[in-house]
Amino acid sequence: MLVYDYMLNGSLDSHLFHDTCPNVLDWKTRYQIALGTARGLAYLHEKCRDCIIHCDIKPENILLDTEFGPKVADFGLAKLFGREFSRVLTTMRGTRGYLAPEWISGVAITVKADVYSYGMMLFEFVSGRRNSAQSEDGKVRFFPSWAANQIRTAETDVLSLLDPRLDGNADVQELTRICRVACWCVQDDETHRPSMGQVVQILEGVSDVNLPPIPRSLQVLGHDQEHIIFFTELSSSQSSHQRSNNTSTASSQTKSTTSSTISKRSEEEHQINT
């Protein structure tokens, strides 16, 4: 039997994304949750007897106690491996939008897969909405791409990235720090991402963080934000029509290929006979 602390304030997502929530998380609370979560992941990665990769870091798996202290929860997908190993090969698991690119490509993962997920979650701490949610102008803007480009622009007011519900009430230094950390955490090359121990030191103000490069994957999305389609659910009639079109196209292509092949063979036979 497992016994857990009762987390009175539920999961982070219920406070971060729901407009019906009576109390919006202020910046100080968000920052402390981000720091506490980083400390928890650093413990899993660096302090346990076996290294633990959580494999599903997202707001739904961060539980909050009465003082809004965070605890990393739901280890159903976690992987444990000895300290003598640095990688583990496992089937892709986790949640879309938080998955590291190397995992999607099918290679063995490291603790940096959790770092990537944490970075994606940090962007949501800043904006107060899902990374691929509609913005106030009704457009689906992938927030990490937009934020990464804004951070690299010298004249950008970092408060423009902040959740509008906070009315600009945030520590600019902390906001800048957390935005830069988020960008470093989602670098395409896992070796360029910081460890969670380094993230803790940066968020605590012990270490400085340099201006990060824009990850290639975010550059691609950033160039054409207005035309990004993340997923579309077709109605049954649309789906049937599409299948019909695909079948018709495939049939035409097959007939064309067959005719071309027969014609080519006839020419070859004619040349041989000649």
Protein backbone atom coordinates (compact mmCIF):
# COMPACT_ATOMS: atom_id res chain seq x y z
CA MET A 1 0.00 0.00 0.00
CA LEU A 2 1.24 3.48 -0.93
CA VAL A 3 0.52 6.49 1.26
CA TYR A 4 0.73 10.02 -0.14
CA ASP A 5 0.32 13.47 1.34
CA TYR A 6 -3.07 15.03 0.66
CA MET A 7 -2.42 17.90 -1.74
CA LEU A 8 -5.21 20.31 -0.90
CA ASN A 9 -4.72 22.65 -3.88
CA GLY A 10 -4.80 19.92 -6.50
CA SER A 11 -2.75 20.05 -9.69
CA LEU A 12 -1.03 23.06 -11.19
CA ASP A 13 -3.08 23.05 -14.39
CA SER A 14 -6.30 23.74 -12.47
CA HIS A 15 -4.82 27.04 -11.24
CA LEU A 16 -2.79 28.01 -14.29
CA PHE A 17 -5.19 27.51 -17.19
CA HIS A 18 -8.74 27.67 -15.91
CA ASP A 19 -10.36 31.08 -16.30
CA THR A 20 -13.07 30.00 -13.86
CA CYS A 21 -10.52 29.64 -11.05
CA PRO A 22 -11.34 32.45 -8.57
CA ASN A 23 -7.72 33.23 -7.71
CA VAL A 24 -5.09 33.72 -10.40
CA LEU A 25 -1.64 32.52 -9.36
CA ASP A 26 0.51 35.59 -8.76
CA TRP A 27 4.04 35.78 -10.11
CA LYS A 28 5.75 35.10 -6.79
CA THR A 29 3.78 31.87 -6.36
CA ARG A 30 4.48 30.77 -9.93
CA TYR A 31 8.18 31.37 -9.51
CA GLN A 32 8.31 29.38 -6.28
CA ILE A 33 6.43 26.52 -7.92
CA ALA A 34 8.88 26.55 -10.85
CA LEU A 35 11.84 26.52 -8.45
CA GLY A 36 10.36 23.80 -6.24
CA THR A 37 9.63 21.61 -9.26
CA ALA A 38 13.21 22.07 -10.50
CA ARG A 39 14.52 20.99 -7.10
CA GLY A 40 12.33 17.88 -7.20
CA LEU A 41 13.56 16.89 -10.66
CA ALA A 42 17.17 17.56 -9.67
CA TYR A 43 16.70 15.15 -6.77
CA LEU A 44 15.29 12.45 -9.07
CA HIS A 45 18.07 12.90 -11.61
CA GLU A 46 21.08 13.45 -9.37
CA LYS A 47 20.44 12.45 -5.76
CA CYS A 48 18.54 9.14 -5.78
CA ARG A 49 20.41 5.84 -5.65
CA ASP A 50 19.15 5.07 -9.17
CA CYS A 51 18.63 7.77 -11.74
CA ILE A 52 14.93 8.39 -12.37
CA ILE A 53 13.54 9.90 -15.57
CA HIS A 54 9.96 10.95 -14.92
CA CYS A 55 8.99 10.88 -18.62
CA ASP A 56 5.79 12.92 -18.26
CA ILE A 57 6.48 16.34 -16.78
CA LYS A 58 3.50 18.64 -17.31
CA PRO A 59 1.28 20.89 -15.15
CA GLU A 60 -1.19 18.07 -14.52
CA ASN A 61 1.55 16.11 -12.73
CA ILE A 62 2.63 18.92 -10.41
CA LEU A 63 0.55 18.79 -7.22
CA LEU A 64 0.27 21.71 -4.80
CA ASP A 65 -0.03 21.59 -1.01
CA THR A 66 -1.77 24.09 1.25
CA GLU A 67 1.07 26.61 0.80
CA PHE A 68 1.28 25.96 -2.94
CA GLY A 69 4.47 24.01 -2.48
CA PRO A 70 4.89 21.70 -5.51
CA LYS A 71 5.42 17.96 -5.57
CA VAL A 72 6.19 15.96 -8.69
CA ALA A 73 3.57 13.22 -9.03
CA ASP A 74 2.48 10.31 -11.26
CA PHE A 75 5.48 8.05 -11.78
CA GLY A 76 3.54 5.57 -13.88
CA LEU A 77 5.74 6.20 -16.92
CA ALA A 78 9.02 6.75 -15.06
CA LYS A 79 12.21 4.88 -15.96
CA LEU A 80 14.88 3.87 -13.44
CA PHE A 81 18.43 2.94 -14.37
CA GLY A 82 21.75 2.62 -12.60
CA ARG A 83 24.25 5.43 -12.26
CA GLU A 84 26.68 3.49 -14.44
CA PHE A 85 24.38 4.13 -17.40
CA SER A 86 23.57 7.48 -18.98
CA ARG A 87 20.84 6.50 -21.43
CA VAL A 88 17.81 4.26 -21.54
CA LEU A 89 15.99 2.99 -24.62
CA THR A 90 12.24 3.05 -24.16
CA THR A 91 9.14 3.36 -26.26
CA MET A 92 7.89 6.91 -26.71
CA ARG A 93 5.55 7.89 -23.91
CA GLY A 94 4.38 11.06 -22.26
CA THR A 95 2.23 13.93 -23.50
CA ARG A 96 2.24 15.68 -26.85
CA GLY A 97 3.67 19.17 -26.59
CA TYR A 98 6.17 18.21 -23.90
CA LEU A 99 8.10 15.45 -25.70
CA ALA A 100 11.79 15.99 -26.46
CA PRO A 101 12.71 15.76 -30.18
CA GLU A 102 15.25 12.98 -29.66
CA TRP A 103 12.55 10.84 -28.08
CA ILE A 104 10.24 11.37 -31.04
CA SER A 105 13.08 10.30 -33.36
CA GLY A 106 13.37 7.01 -31.47
CA VAL A 107 16.83 7.25 -29.91
CA ALA A 108 17.70 6.33 -26.32
CA ILE A 109 16.89 9.16 -23.92
CA THR A 110 18.62 10.75 -20.95
CA VAL A 111 17.44 12.92 -18.08
CA LYS A 112 17.54 15.79 -20.60
CA ALA A 113 14.16 14.55 -21.88
CA ASP A 114 12.68 15.73 -18.56
CA VAL A 115 14.60 19.00 -18.90
CA TYR A 116 12.91 19.62 -22.26
CA SER A 117 9.45 18.94 -20.81
CA TYR A 118 10.21 21.24 -17.89
CA GLY A 119 11.23 24.00 -20.32
CA MET A 120 7.97 23.71 -22.23
CA MET A 121 6.11 23.91 -18.94
CA LEU A 122 8.05 27.05 -17.95
CA PHE A 123 6.67 28.84 -21.00
CA GLU A 124 3.20 28.07 -19.68
CA PHE A 125 4.14 29.50 -16.28
CA VAL A 126 4.89 32.78 -18.06
CA SER A 127 1.91 32.98 -20.40
CA GLY A 128 -0.71 31.36 -18.17
CA ARG A 129 -2.09 29.33 -21.08
CA ARG A 130 -1.35 26.23 -23.08
CA ASN A 131 1.55 26.69 -25.46
CA SER A 132 -0.65 26.08 -28.50
CA ALA A 133 -3.79 27.81 -27.24
CA GLN A 134 -5.46 30.68 -29.07
CA SER A 135 -4.19 34.12 -28.20
CA GLU A 136 -6.47 37.07 -27.50
CA ASP A 137 -6.54 38.02 -31.20
CA GLY A 138 -7.98 34.59 -32.01
CA LYS A 139 -4.84 33.25 -33.71
CA VAL A 140 -3.18 29.99 -32.75
CA ARG A 141 0.32 31.18 -31.91
CA PHE A 142 2.83 28.65 -30.61
CA PHE A 143 3.95 30.64 -27.59
CA PRO A 144 7.48 29.15 -27.18
CA SER A 145 8.38 30.16 -30.77
CA TRP A 146 7.10 33.67 -30.30
CA ALA A 147 8.69 34.05 -26.86
CA ALA A 148 12.08 32.72 -28.02
CA ASN A 149 12.16 35.26 -30.83
CA GLN A 150 11.07 38.08 -28.53
CA ILE A 151 13.75 37.26 -25.97
CA ARG A 152 16.42 37.65 -28.65
CA THR A 153 15.11 41.12 -29.58
CA ALA A 154 16.89 43.84 -27.61
CA GLU A 155 13.98 46.28 -27.54
CA THR A 156 11.45 43.69 -26.34
CA ASP A 157 9.70 44.48 -23.08
CA VAL A 158 9.82 41.11 -21.32
CA LEU A 159 6.57 41.98 -19.53
CA SER A 160 4.81 41.69 -22.90
CA LEU A 161 5.29 37.91 -22.58
CA LEU A 162 3.57 37.79 -19.20
CA ASP A 163 0.09 36.42 -18.52
CA PRO A 164 -2.17 39.46 -19.07
CA ARG A 165 -4.20 38.50 -15.99
CA LEU A 166 -1.22 39.56 -13.86
CA ASP A 167 -1.38 43.16 -15.18
CA GLY A 168 2.41 43.35 -15.40
CA ASN A 169 2.91 42.51 -11.73
CA ALA A 170 6.10 40.47 -11.89
CA ASP A 171 9.75 40.81 -11.00
CA VAL A 172 11.39 41.69 -14.34
CA GLN A 173 14.68 40.03 -13.38
CA GLU A 174 12.95 36.79 -12.41
CA LEU A 175 10.79 36.88 -15.54
CA THR A 176 13.84 37.39 -17.76
CA ARG A 177 15.65 34.60 -15.95
CA ILE A 178 12.81 32.11 -16.30
CA CYS A 179 12.29 32.93 -20.00
CA ARG A 180 15.97 32.37 -20.75
CA VAL A 181 16.02 29.12 -18.77
CA ALA A 182 12.96 27.90 -20.70
CA CYS A 183 14.73 28.57 -24.02
CA TRP A 184 17.87 26.77 -22.89
CA CYS A 185 15.84 23.78 -21.70
CA VAL A 186 14.18 23.25 -25.09
CA GLN A 187 17.34 23.32 -27.23
CA ASP A 188 17.24 20.75 -30.02
CA ASP A 189 20.59 19.24 -29.02
CA GLU A 190 20.21 17.64 -25.60
CA THR A 191 23.85 18.39 -24.77
CA HIS A 192 23.07 22.10 -24.96
CA ARG A 193 20.34 21.85 -22.32
CA PRO A 194 21.26 22.52 -18.68
CA SER A 195 20.96 19.87 -15.99
CA MET A 196 18.17 20.34 -13.48
CA GLY A 197 20.82 21.08 -10.86
CA GLN A 198 22.02 23.99 -13.00
CA VAL A 199 18.45 25.17 -13.47
CA VAL A 200 18.01 25.28 -9.70
CA GLN A 201 21.16 27.39 -9.28
CA ILE A 202 19.99 29.82 -11.96
CA LEU A 203 16.50 30.21 -10.53
CA GLU A 204 17.97 30.67 -7.06
CA GLY A 205 20.12 33.48 -8.44
CA VAL A 206 23.36 31.66 -7.66
CA SER A 207 24.34 31.40 -11.33
CA ASP A 208 23.81 33.74 -14.26
CA VAL A 209 22.16 32.65 -17.48
CA ASN A 210 23.31 33.86 -20.88
CA LEU A 211 21.07 34.81 -23.78
CA PRO A 212 20.04 31.52 -25.41
CA PRO A 213 20.04 30.75 -29.14
CA ILE A 214 16.67 30.08 -30.73
CA PRO A 215 16.24 26.30 -31.21
CA ARG A 216 15.95 25.29 -34.86
CA SER A 217 12.57 23.68 -34.27
CA LEU A 218 11.20 26.91 -32.82
CA GLN A 219 12.72 28.94 -35.66
CA VAL A 220 10.76 26.90 -38.20
CA LEU A 221 7.52 27.41 -36.29
CA GLY A 222 8.27 31.07 -35.68
CA HIS A 223 8.59 31.93 -39.38
CA ASP A 224 5.03 30.86 -40.19
CA GLN A 225 3.05 31.08 -36.98
CA GLU A 226 -0.28 32.01 -38.54
CA HIS A 227 -0.40 28.93 -40.76
CA ILE A 228 0.53 26.28 -38.23
CA ILE A 229 -2.05 23.49 -37.92
CA PHE A 230 -1.35 21.32 -34.90
CA PHE A 231 -4.12 18.81 -35.52
CA THR A 232 -7.52 18.79 -37.20
CA GLU A 233 -10.40 16.48 -36.44
CA LEU A 234 -12.33 15.61 -39.58
CA SER A 235 -16.05 14.94 -39.48
CA SER A 236 -17.17 11.49 -40.61
CA SER A 237 -18.40 12.85 -43.97
CA GLN A 238 -15.13 14.74 -44.53
CA SER A 239 -13.16 11.67 -43.54
CA SER A 240 -15.15 9.46 -45.94
CA HIS A 241 -14.74 12.01 -48.73
CA GLN A 242 -11.00 12.20 -48.09
CA ARG A 243 -10.68 8.41 -48.10
CA SER A 244 -12.64 8.32 -51.36
CA ASN A 245 -10.35 10.93 -52.90
CA ASN A 246 -7.27 9.09 -51.66
CA THR A 247 -8.56 5.81 -53.08
CA SER A 248 -9.40 7.46 -56.40
CA THR A 249 -5.98 9.11 -56.55
CA ALA A 250 -4.21 5.90 -55.65
CA SER A 251 -6.23 4.00 -58.30
CA SER A 252 -5.37 6.57 -60.96
CA GLN A 253 -1.71 6.49 -60.00
CA THR A 254 -1.71 2.67 -60.16
CA LYS A 255 -3.35 2.65 -63.58
CA SER A 256 -0.93 5.27 -64.83
CA THR A 257 2.05 3.34 -63.49
CA THR A 258 0.77 0.07 -65.00
CA SER A 259 0.18 1.64 -68.41
CA SER A 260 3.61 3.21 -68.35
CA THR A 261 5.22 -0.10 -67.42
CA ILE A 262 3.37 -2.01 -70.18
CA SER A 263 4.30 0.66 -72.74
CA LYS A 264 7.95 0.50 -71.68
CA ARG A 265 8.02 -3.28 -71.91
CA SER A 266 6.47 -3.16 -75.41
CA GLU A 267 9.16 -0.73 -76.54
CA GLU A 268 11.89 -2.96 -75.08
CA GLU A 269 10.44 -6.07 -76.80
CA HIS A 270 10.25 -4.17 -80.10
CA GLN A 271 13.89 -3.14 -79.80
CA ILE A 272 14.96 -6.71 -79.02
CA ASN A 273 13.02 -8.13 -81.96
CA THR A 274 14.48 -5.47 -84.23
